[in-house]
PDB file of N, CA and C in Angstrom:
ATOM      1  N   MET A   1       1.301   1.431  13.778  1.00  0.00           N
ATOM      2  CA  MET A   1       0.117   0.275  13.594  1.00  0.00           C
ATOM      3  C   MET A   1      -1.025   1.168  12.900  1.00  0.00           C
ATOM      4  N   ALA A   2      -1.250   2.377  13.547  1.00  0.00           N
ATOM      5  CA  ALA A   2      -2.230   3.804  12.513  1.00  0.00           C
ATOM      6  C   ALA A   2      -1.777   3.592  11.341  1.00  0.00           C
ATOM      7  N   ILE A   3      -0.506   3.589  11.157  1.00  0.00           N
ATOM      8  CA  ILE A   3       0.016   4.223   9.612  1.00  0.00           C
ATOM      9  C   ILE A   3      -0.239   2.925   8.511  1.00  0.00           C
ATOM     10  N   SER A   4      -0.180   1.709   9.188  1.00  0.00           N
ATOM     11  CA  SER A   4      -0.127   0.725   8.444  1.00  0.00           C
ATOM     12  C   SER A   4      -1.572   0.556   8.125  1.00  0.00           C
ATOM     13  N   LEU A   5      -2.599   0.439   9.061  1.00  0.00           N
ATOM     14  CA  LEU A   5      -3.868   0.524   8.482  1.00  0.00           C
ATOM     15  C   LEU A   5      -4.288   1.345   7.716  1.00  0.00           C
ATOM     16  N   SER A   6      -3.848   2.937   7.700  1.00  0.00           N
ATOM     17  CA  SER A   6      -4.359   3.719   7.075  1.00  0.00           C
ATOM     18  C   SER A   6      -3.766   3.460   5.447  1.00  0.00           C
ATOM     19  N   MET A   7      -2.561   2.948   5.359  1.00  0.00           N
ATOM     20  CA  MET A   7      -1.848   2.862   4.193  1.00  0.00           C
ATOM     21  C   MET A   7      -2.782   1.442   3.609  1.00  0.00           C
ATOM     22  N   VAL A   8      -3.168   0.704   4.140  1.00  0.00           N
ATOM     23  CA  VAL A   8      -4.070  -0.534   3.679  1.00  0.00           C
ATOM     24  C   VAL A   8      -5.210  -0.057   3.161  1.00  0.00           C
ATOM     25  N   LEU A   9      -6.169   0.847   3.999  1.00  0.00           N
ATOM     26  CA  LEU A   9      -7.001   1.086   3.789  1.00  0.00           C
ATOM     27  C   LEU A   9      -7.143   2.287   2.408  1.00  0.00           C
ATOM     28  N   LEU A  10      -6.014   3.130   2.247  1.00  0.00           N
ATOM     29  CA  LEU A  10      -5.814   3.989   1.260  1.00  0.00           C
ATOM     30  C   LEU A  10      -5.725   3.018  -0.166  1.00  0.00           C
ATOM     31  N   PHE A  11      -4.721   2.181  -0.043  1.00  0.00           N
ATOM     32  CA  PHE A  11      -4.364   1.241  -1.181  1.00  0.00           C
ATOM     33  C   PHE A  11      -5.561   0.333  -1.427  1.00  0.00           C
ATOM     34  N   ALA A  12      -6.613  -0.254  -0.642  1.00  0.00           N
ATOM     35  CA  ALA A  12      -7.925  -0.718  -0.991  1.00  0.00           C
ATOM     36  C   ALA A  12      -8.966   0.249  -1.754  1.00  0.00           C
ATOM     37  N   VAL A  13      -8.834   1.422  -1.120  1.00  0.00           N
ATOM     38  CA  VAL A  13      -9.688   2.293  -2.033  1.00  0.00           C
ATOM     39  C   VAL A  13      -9.308   2.489  -3.279  1.00  0.00           C
ATOM     40  N   ILE A  14      -7.775   3.010  -3.581  1.00  0.00           N
ATOM     41  CA  ILE A  14      -7.524   3.149  -5.038  1.00  0.00           C
ATOM     42  C   ILE A  14      -7.561   1.675  -5.922  1.00  0.00           C
ATOM     43  N   LEU A  15      -7.149   0.529  -5.343  1.00  0.00           N
ATOM     44  CA  LEU A  15      -7.528  -0.397  -5.991  1.00  0.00           C
ATOM     45  C   LEU A  15      -9.121  -0.587  -6.455  1.00  0.00           C
ATOM     46  N   VAL A  16     -10.226  -0.575  -5.717  1.00  0.00           N
ATOM     47  CA  VAL A  16     -11.503  -0.377  -6.059  1.00  0.00           C
ATOM     48  C   VAL A  16     -11.869   0.527  -7.197  1.00  0.00           C
ATOM     49  N   VAL A  17     -11.332   1.610  -6.841  1.00  0.00           N
ATOM     50  CA  VAL A  17     -11.240   2.747  -7.939  1.00  0.00           C
ATOM     51  C   VAL A  17     -10.952   2.319  -9.367  1.00  0.00           C
ATOM     52  N   MET A  18      -9.887   1.619  -9.181  1.00  0.00           N
ATOM     53  CA  MET A  18      -9.066   1.457 -10.451  1.00  0.00           C
ATOM     54  C   MET A  18     -10.028   0.236 -11.238  1.00  0.00           C
ATOM     55  N   ILE A  19     -10.330  -0.862 -10.507  1.00  0.00           N
ATOM     56  CA  ILE A  19     -10.996  -1.979 -10.946  1.00  0.00           C
ATOM     57  C   ILE A  19     -12.647  -1.369 -11.412  1.00  0.00           C
ATOM     58  N   ARG A  20     -13.183  -0.556 -10.777  1.00  0.00           N
ATOM     59  CA  ARG A  20     -14.335   0.042 -11.384  1.00  0.00           C
ATOM     60  C   ARG A  20     -14.214   1.021 -12.400  1.00  0.00           C
ATOM     61  N   SER A  21     -13.135   1.581 -12.558  1.00  0.00           N
ATOM     62  CA  SER A  21     -13.149   2.652 -13.999  1.00  0.00           C
ATOM     63  C   SER A  21     -12.492   1.840 -15.056  1.00  0.00           C
ATOM     64  N   GLY A  22     -12.197   0.454 -14.664  1.00  0.00           N
ATOM     65  CA  GLY A  22     -11.578  -0.086 -16.103  1.00  0.00           C
ATOM     66  C   GLY A  22     -10.405   0.074 -16.120  1.00  0.00           C
ATOM     67  N   SER A  23      -9.376   0.649 -15.337  1.00  0.00           N
ATOM     68  CA  SER A  23      -8.183   0.836 -15.512  1.00  0.00           C
ATOM     69  C   SER A  23      -7.164  -0.505 -15.214  1.00  0.00           C
ATOM     70  N   ILE A  24      -7.980  -1.245 -14.233  1.00  0.00           N
ATOM     71  CA  ILE A  24      -7.186  -2.697 -13.931  1.00  0.00           C
ATOM     72  C   ILE A  24      -8.229  -3.538 -13.956  1.00  0.00           C
ATOM     73  N   LYS A  25      -8.002  -4.860 -14.602  1.00  0.00           N
ATOM     74  CA  LYS A  25      -8.836  -5.782 -14.264  1.00  0.00           C
ATOM     75  C   LYS A  25      -9.049  -6.434 -13.059  1.00  0.00           C
ATOM     76  N   PRO A  26      -9.801  -7.360 -12.835  1.00  0.00           N
ATOM     77  CA  PRO A  26      -9.934  -7.828 -11.405  1.00  0.00           C
ATOM     78  C   PRO A  26      -8.512  -8.937 -11.397  1.00  0.00           C
ATOM     79  N   GLY A  27      -8.615  -9.850 -12.585  1.00  0.00           N
ATOM     80  CA  GLY A  27      -7.175 -10.834 -12.390  1.00  0.00           C
ATOM     81  C   GLY A  27      -6.022 -10.087 -12.107  1.00  0.00           C
ATOM     82  N   PRO A  28      -5.350  -9.179 -12.812  1.00  0.00           N
ATOM     83  CA  PRO A  28      -4.236  -8.378 -12.281  1.00  0.00           C
ATOM     84  C   PRO A  28      -4.284  -7.838 -11.019  1.00  0.00           C
ATOM     85  N   ALA A  29      -5.400  -7.630 -10.519  1.00  0.00           N
ATOM     86  CA  ALA A  29      -5.650  -6.755  -9.054  1.00  0.00           C
ATOM     87  C   ALA A  29      -5.550  -7.988  -7.960  1.00  0.00           C
ATOM     88  N   LEU A  30      -5.854  -8.955  -8.450  1.00  0.00           N
ATOM     89  CA  LEU A  30      -5.655 -10.266  -7.531  1.00  0.00           C
ATOM     90  C   LEU A  30      -4.368 -10.460  -7.558  1.00  0.00           C
ATOM     91  N   VAL A  31      -3.762 -10.550  -8.529  1.00  0.00           N
ATOM     92  CA  VAL A  31      -2.069 -10.842  -8.522  1.00  0.00           C
ATOM     93  C   VAL A  31      -1.563  -9.746  -7.715  1.00  0.00           C
ATOM     94  N   ALA A  32      -1.729  -8.718  -7.669  1.00  0.00           N
ATOM     95  CA  ALA A  32      -0.904  -7.142  -7.104  1.00  0.00           C
ATOM     96  C   ALA A  32      -1.403  -7.554  -5.724  1.00  0.00           C
ATOM     97  N   VAL A  33      -2.308  -8.130  -5.323  1.00  0.00           N
ATOM     98  CA  VAL A  33      -2.862  -8.002  -3.777  1.00  0.00           C
ATOM     99  C   VAL A  33      -2.297  -9.493  -3.398  1.00  0.00           C
ATOM    100  N   LEU A  34      -2.157 -10.360  -3.970  1.00  0.00           N
ATOM    101  CA  LEU A  34      -1.371 -11.389  -3.529  1.00  0.00           C
ATOM    102  C   LEU A  34      -0.014 -11.362  -3.637  1.00  0.00           C
ATOM    103  N   PHE A  35       0.423 -10.526  -4.606  1.00  0.00           N
ATOM    104  CA  PHE A  35       1.974 -10.076  -4.452  1.00  0.00           C
ATOM    105  C   PHE A  35       2.388  -9.417  -3.025  1.00  0.00           C
ATOM    106  N   GLY A  36       1.524  -8.708  -2.820  1.00  0.00           N
ATOM    107  CA  GLY A  36       1.702  -7.703  -1.749  1.00  0.00           C
ATOM    108  C   GLY A  36       1.976  -8.531  -0.293  1.00  0.00           C
ATOM    109  N   PHE A  37       0.657  -9.439  -0.594  1.00  0.00           N
ATOM    110  CA  PHE A  37       0.614 -10.152   0.718  1.00  0.00           C
ATOM    111  C   PHE A  37       1.800 -11.110   0.875  1.00  0.00           C
ATOM    112  N   PHE A  38       2.110 -11.784  -0.196  1.00  0.00           N
ATOM    113  CA  PHE A  38       3.248 -12.779   0.322  1.00  0.00           C
ATOM    114  C   PHE A  38       4.707 -12.022   0.286  1.00  0.00           C
ATOM    115  N   LEU A  39       4.910 -10.674  -0.220  1.00  0.00           N
ATOM    116  CA  LEU A  39       5.846  -9.958  -0.021  1.00  0.00           C
ATOM    117  C   LEU A  39       5.884  -9.462   1.720  1.00  0.00           C
ATOM    118  N   ALA A  40       5.110  -9.263   1.790  1.00  0.00           N
ATOM    119  CA  ALA A  40       4.931  -8.832   3.391  1.00  0.00           C
ATOM    120  C   ALA A  40       5.431  -9.943   4.449  1.00  0.00           C
ATOM    121  N   SER A  41       5.792 -11.181   3.596  1.00  0.00           N
ATOM    122  CA  SER A  41       6.030 -12.307   4.640  1.00  0.00           C
ATOM    123  C   SER A  41       7.247 -12.721   4.442  1.00  0.00           C
ATOM    124  N   THR A  42       8.277 -11.920   3.526  1.00  0.00           N
ATOM    125  CA  THR A  42       9.370 -12.017   3.268  1.00  0.00           C
ATOM    126  C   THR A  42      10.351 -10.948   4.398  1.00  0.00           C
ATOM    127  N   GLY A  43      11.430 -11.439   4.135  1.00  0.00           N
ATOM    128  CA  GLY A  43      12.768 -10.706   4.776  1.00  0.00           C
ATOM    129  C   GLY A  43      12.921  -9.201   4.730  1.00  0.00           C
ATOM    130  N   MET A  44      12.145  -8.865   3.365  1.00  0.00           N
ATOM    131  CA  MET A  44      11.985  -7.371   2.824  1.00  0.00           C
ATOM    132  C   MET A  44      11.128  -6.503   3.747  1.00  0.00           C
ATOM    133  N   ALA A  45      10.052  -7.181   4.391  1.00  0.00           N
ATOM    134  CA  ALA A  45       8.945  -6.566   5.260  1.00  0.00           C
ATOM    135  C   ALA A  45       9.425  -5.323   5.939  1.00  0.00           C
ATOM    136  N   PRO A  46      10.459  -5.724   6.817  1.00  0.00           N
ATOM    137  CA  PRO A  46      10.905  -4.560   7.697  1.00  0.00           C
ATOM    138  C   PRO A  46      11.498  -3.617   7.039  1.00  0.00           C
ATOM    139  N   SER A  47      12.188  -3.623   5.941  1.00  0.00           N
ATOM    140  CA  SER A  47      12.830  -2.601   5.158  1.00  0.00           C
ATOM    141  C   SER A  47      11.749  -1.812   4.637  1.00  0.00           C
ATOM    142  N   ILE A  48      10.688  -2.545   3.995  1.00  0.00           N
ATOM    143  CA  ILE A  48       9.637  -1.705   3.434  1.00  0.00           C
ATOM    144  C   ILE A  48       8.693  -0.969   4.261  1.00  0.00           C
ATOM    145  N   ASN A  49       8.629  -1.559   5.589  1.00  0.00           N
ATOM    146  CA  ASN A  49       7.942  -0.757   6.451  1.00  0.00           C
ATOM    147  C   ASN A  49       8.620   0.419   6.904  1.00  0.00           C
ATOM    148  N   ARG A  50       9.659   0.101   7.204  1.00  0.00           N
ATOM    149  CA  ARG A  50      10.860   1.384   8.015  1.00  0.00           C
ATOM    150  C   ARG A  50      10.743   2.532   6.603  1.00  0.00           C
ATOM    151  N   PHE A  51      10.621   2.117   5.472  1.00  0.00           N
ATOM    152  CA  PHE A  51      10.621   2.905   4.193  1.00  0.00           C
ATOM    153  C   PHE A  51       9.550   3.891   4.218  1.00  0.00           C
ATOM    154  N   MET A  52       8.426   2.996   4.434  1.00  0.00           N
ATOM    155  CA  MET A  52       7.207   3.773   4.360  1.00  0.00           C
ATOM    156  C   MET A  52       6.706   4.868   5.572  1.00  0.00           C
ATOM    157  N   ASN A  53       7.497   4.156   6.654  1.00  0.00           N
ATOM    158  CA  ASN A  53       7.459   5.199   7.877  1.00  0.00           C
ATOM    159  C   ASN A  53       8.044   6.444   7.677  1.00  0.00           C
ATOM    160  N   SER A  54       9.322   6.172   7.165  1.00  0.00           N
ATOM    161  CA  SER A  54      10.091   7.639   6.986  1.00  0.00           C
ATOM    162  C   SER A  54       9.479   8.679   5.779  1.00  0.00           C
ATOM    163  N   ILE A  55       8.556   7.896   4.772  1.00  0.00           N
ATOM    164  CA  ILE A  55       7.923   8.705   4.229  1.00  0.00           C
ATOM    165  C   ILE A  55       6.908   9.297   4.743  1.00  0.00           C
ATOM    166  N   ALA A  56       6.109   8.847   5.359  1.00  0.00           N
ATOM    167  CA  ALA A  56       4.977   9.450   6.359  1.00  0.00           C
ATOM    168  C   ALA A  56       5.650  10.395   7.091  1.00  0.00           C
ATOM    169  N   ASP A  57       6.597  10.050   8.032  1.00  0.00           N
ATOM    170  CA  ASP A  57       7.109  11.120   8.823  1.00  0.00           C
ATOM    171  C   ASP A  57       7.490  12.364   8.136  1.00  0.00           C
ATOM    172  N   THR A  58       8.247  11.968   6.809  1.00  0.00           N
ATOM    173  CA  THR A  58       8.544  13.403   6.239  1.00  0.00           C
ATOM    174  C   THR A  58       7.255  14.138   5.769  1.00  0.00           C
ATOM    175  N   ILE A  59       6.566  13.566   5.235  1.00  0.00           N
ATOM    176  CA  ILE A  59       4.935  14.377   4.857  1.00  0.00           C
ATOM    177  C   ILE A  59       4.829  14.750   6.132  1.00  0.00           C
ATOM    178  N   ASN A  60       4.533  14.457   7.179  1.00  0.00           N
ATOM    179  CA  ASN A  60       3.607  14.909   8.602  1.00  0.00           C
ATOM    180  C   ASN A  60       4.714  15.979   8.930  1.00  0.00           C
ATOM    181  N   GLN A  61       5.977  16.343   8.685  1.00  0.00           N
ATOM    182  CA  GLN A  61       7.157  17.156   8.908  1.00  0.00           C
ATOM    183  C   GLN A  61       6.950  18.580   7.985  1.00  0.00           C
ATOM    184  N   ILE A  62       6.308  18.200   6.714  1.00  0.00           N
ATOM    185  CA  ILE A  62       5.923  19.334   5.779  1.00  0.00           C
ATOM    186  C   ILE A  62       5.136  20.167   6.579  1.00  0.00           C
ATOM    187  N   SER A  63       5.448  21.495   6.715  1.00  0.00           N
ATOM    188  CA  SER A  63       4.615  22.761   7.118  1.00  0.00           C
ATOM    189  C   SER A  63       3.862  23.608   6.084  1.00  0.00           C
ATOM    190  N   PHE A  64       2.915  23.599   5.640  1.00  0.00           N
ATOM    191  CA  PHE A  64       2.386  24.348   4.711  1.00  0.00           C
ATOM    192  C   PHE A  64       1.913  26.065   5.295  1.00  0.00           C
TER     193      PHE A  64
END
């Protein structure tokens, strides 16, 4: 849950920065948000969640 919330906040910040910088317009940003929202309700959601968790675990195991 903590990783999911962190990822949502990270992507929200990136989306706001992209809209403010003019890299992406509000219309396409809304489409991207809606796509993510509806994708989360499909059968692919558990696979995507496992993939993101494995990436987070891999990053966490890297020692500097």
